[in-house]
N, C-alpha and C. Protein backbone atom coordinates (compact mmCIF):
# COMPACT_ATOMS: atom_id res chain seq x y z
N MET A 1 42.84 107.15 87.81
CA MET A 1 43.83 106.20 88.25
C MET A 1 43.66 104.92 87.45
N GLY A 2 44.65 104.14 87.54
CA GLY A 2 44.66 102.87 86.86
C GLY A 2 46.08 102.37 86.73
N ILE A 3 46.26 101.35 85.94
CA ILE A 3 47.55 100.68 85.83
C ILE A 3 48.65 101.62 85.34
N ASP A 4 48.29 102.67 84.61
CA ASP A 4 49.30 103.61 84.10
C ASP A 4 49.76 104.61 85.15
N HIS A 5 49.19 104.55 86.35
CA HIS A 5 49.50 105.54 87.38
C HIS A 5 49.91 104.90 88.70
N VAL A 6 50.38 103.68 88.65
CA VAL A 6 50.75 102.95 89.86
C VAL A 6 52.19 102.49 89.74
N GLY A 7 52.90 102.54 90.86
CA GLY A 7 54.25 102.01 90.90
C GLY A 7 54.50 101.38 92.25
N LEU A 8 55.54 100.60 92.34
CA LEU A 8 55.87 99.92 93.58
C LEU A 8 57.18 100.43 94.13
N GLY A 9 57.25 100.48 95.42
CA GLY A 9 58.48 100.80 96.10
C GLY A 9 58.68 99.79 97.21
N THR A 10 59.89 99.68 97.69
CA THR A 10 60.17 98.73 98.76
C THR A 10 60.82 99.46 99.92
N ASP A 11 60.60 98.94 101.09
CA ASP A 11 61.21 99.48 102.30
C ASP A 11 61.39 98.31 103.26
N PHE A 12 62.54 97.72 103.24
CA PHE A 12 62.79 96.52 104.04
C PHE A 12 63.55 96.87 105.32
N ASP A 13 63.06 97.87 106.05
CA ASP A 13 63.74 98.25 107.29
C ASP A 13 63.17 97.55 108.51
N GLY A 14 62.27 96.60 108.31
CA GLY A 14 61.74 95.83 109.41
C GLY A 14 60.45 96.35 109.99
N ASP A 15 59.91 97.42 109.45
CA ASP A 15 58.67 97.99 109.97
C ASP A 15 57.50 97.55 109.10
N GLY A 16 56.52 96.92 109.71
CA GLY A 16 55.36 96.46 108.94
C GLY A 16 55.73 95.26 108.11
N GLY A 17 55.22 95.24 106.92
CA GLY A 17 55.57 94.16 106.03
C GLY A 17 54.35 93.40 105.56
N VAL A 18 54.55 92.66 104.52
CA VAL A 18 53.52 91.84 103.92
C VAL A 18 54.01 90.40 103.97
N PRO A 19 53.21 89.49 104.50
CA PRO A 19 53.64 88.09 104.53
C PRO A 19 54.01 87.61 103.12
N GLY A 20 55.17 86.99 103.00
CA GLY A 20 55.64 86.52 101.70
C GLY A 20 56.49 87.52 100.97
N LEU A 21 56.65 88.73 101.55
CA LEU A 21 57.49 89.78 100.94
C LEU A 21 58.42 90.38 101.99
N ALA A 22 59.07 89.53 102.75
CA ALA A 22 59.90 90.00 103.85
C ALA A 22 61.25 90.55 103.39
N SER A 23 61.66 90.22 102.17
CA SER A 23 62.94 90.70 101.65
C SER A 23 62.86 90.77 100.13
N ALA A 24 63.88 91.39 99.56
CA ALA A 24 63.92 91.51 98.10
C ALA A 24 63.92 90.15 97.42
N SER A 25 64.43 89.15 98.09
CA SER A 25 64.48 87.81 97.50
C SER A 25 63.09 87.21 97.31
N GLU A 26 62.08 87.78 97.96
CA GLU A 26 60.71 87.26 97.85
C GLU A 26 59.82 88.08 96.92
N LEU A 27 60.36 89.10 96.29
CA LEU A 27 59.54 89.95 95.42
C LEU A 27 58.94 89.19 94.24
N ILE A 28 59.56 88.10 93.85
CA ILE A 28 59.01 87.28 92.77
C ILE A 28 57.61 86.79 93.13
N ASN A 29 57.33 86.65 94.43
CA ASN A 29 56.00 86.22 94.87
C ASN A 29 54.93 87.20 94.43
N PHE A 30 55.25 88.48 94.47
CA PHE A 30 54.28 89.50 94.03
C PHE A 30 53.99 89.35 92.54
N THR A 31 55.04 89.17 91.76
CA THR A 31 54.86 88.99 90.32
C THR A 31 54.06 87.72 90.04
N ARG A 32 54.33 86.68 90.76
CA ARG A 32 53.56 85.43 90.58
C ARG A 32 52.08 85.66 90.85
N GLN A 33 51.77 86.43 91.88
CA GLN A 33 50.37 86.72 92.19
C GLN A 33 49.71 87.56 91.10
N LEU A 34 50.46 88.51 90.54
CA LEU A 34 49.91 89.30 89.43
C LEU A 34 49.60 88.41 88.23
N LEU A 35 50.52 87.50 87.91
CA LEU A 35 50.29 86.57 86.80
C LEU A 35 49.10 85.66 87.09
N LYS A 36 49.00 85.21 88.32
CA LYS A 36 47.88 84.35 88.73
C LYS A 36 46.55 85.08 88.54
N ARG A 37 46.57 86.40 88.74
CA ARG A 37 45.37 87.22 88.59
C ARG A 37 45.20 87.74 87.16
N ARG A 38 46.00 87.17 86.26
CA ARG A 38 45.89 87.40 84.82
C ARG A 38 46.28 88.81 84.37
N TYR A 39 47.20 89.46 85.11
CA TYR A 39 47.79 90.70 84.62
C TYR A 39 48.70 90.34 83.46
N ASN A 40 48.73 91.17 82.43
CA ASN A 40 49.61 90.87 81.31
C ASN A 40 51.02 91.42 81.58
N ILE A 41 51.96 90.96 80.78
CA ILE A 41 53.37 91.32 80.97
C ILE A 41 53.58 92.83 80.88
N GLN A 42 52.91 93.49 79.96
CA GLN A 42 53.06 94.93 79.80
C GLN A 42 52.62 95.67 81.06
N ASP A 43 51.53 95.26 81.66
CA ASP A 43 51.06 95.92 82.88
C ASP A 43 52.00 95.63 84.06
N ILE A 44 52.54 94.44 84.14
CA ILE A 44 53.49 94.11 85.19
C ILE A 44 54.75 94.95 85.03
N GLN A 45 55.19 95.14 83.80
CA GLN A 45 56.36 95.98 83.56
C GLN A 45 56.10 97.42 83.99
N LYS A 46 54.90 97.91 83.77
CA LYS A 46 54.55 99.26 84.23
C LYS A 46 54.67 99.36 85.74
N LEU A 47 54.17 98.37 86.46
CA LEU A 47 54.22 98.38 87.92
C LEU A 47 55.65 98.31 88.44
N TRP A 48 56.49 97.52 87.79
CA TRP A 48 57.85 97.30 88.25
C TRP A 48 58.85 98.30 87.71
N GLY A 49 58.40 99.49 87.37
CA GLY A 49 59.35 100.54 86.99
C GLY A 49 59.02 101.26 85.72
N GLY A 50 58.20 100.68 84.87
CA GLY A 50 57.87 101.34 83.60
C GLY A 50 57.18 102.68 83.79
N ASN A 51 56.23 102.75 84.70
CA ASN A 51 55.53 104.02 84.95
C ASN A 51 56.49 105.06 85.52
N PHE A 52 57.34 104.64 86.44
CA PHE A 52 58.32 105.55 87.02
C PHE A 52 59.24 106.12 85.94
N MET A 53 59.74 105.24 85.09
CA MET A 53 60.65 105.70 84.03
C MET A 53 59.94 106.64 83.06
N ARG A 54 58.70 106.35 82.72
CA ARG A 54 57.94 107.23 81.82
C ARG A 54 57.79 108.62 82.42
N VAL A 55 57.43 108.69 83.69
CA VAL A 55 57.24 109.98 84.34
C VAL A 55 58.56 110.73 84.43
N MET A 56 59.64 110.04 84.79
CA MET A 56 60.94 110.71 84.90
C MET A 56 61.40 111.25 83.54
N GLU A 57 61.14 110.51 82.47
CA GLU A 57 61.48 111.00 81.13
C GLU A 57 60.67 112.25 80.80
N GLN A 58 59.40 112.27 81.19
CA GLN A 58 58.56 113.46 80.96
C GLN A 58 59.08 114.65 81.75
N VAL A 59 59.46 114.42 82.99
CA VAL A 59 59.99 115.50 83.83
C VAL A 59 61.28 116.03 83.24
N GLN A 60 62.19 115.15 82.85
CA GLN A 60 63.45 115.59 82.28
C GLN A 60 63.23 116.36 80.99
N GLY A 61 62.27 115.91 80.18
CA GLY A 61 61.95 116.63 78.94
C GLY A 61 61.42 118.02 79.23
N ALA A 62 60.59 118.15 80.25
CA ALA A 62 60.04 119.46 80.61
C ALA A 62 61.14 120.39 81.12
N LEU A 63 62.14 119.84 81.79
CA LEU A 63 63.23 120.68 82.33
C LEU A 63 64.14 121.19 81.23
N ARG A 64 64.19 120.49 80.11
CA ARG A 64 65.06 120.91 79.00
C ARG A 64 64.47 122.03 78.17
N VAL A 65 63.19 122.27 78.34
CA VAL A 65 62.52 123.29 77.52
C VAL A 65 62.91 124.67 77.96
């Protein structure tokens, strides 16, 4: 495991929650915390969809074979 195997999802249906992330409008707070903890831009991009897109491209490529 590591940064290349992690992705984020959201579920704003009112169950649970993280203080400071109550809605999509507050998601920037998560990115700010990653930057504060010295994550680089490439790793943040992986978390915010890059890993998901990479895996989906691999899956689609495997289905074409």
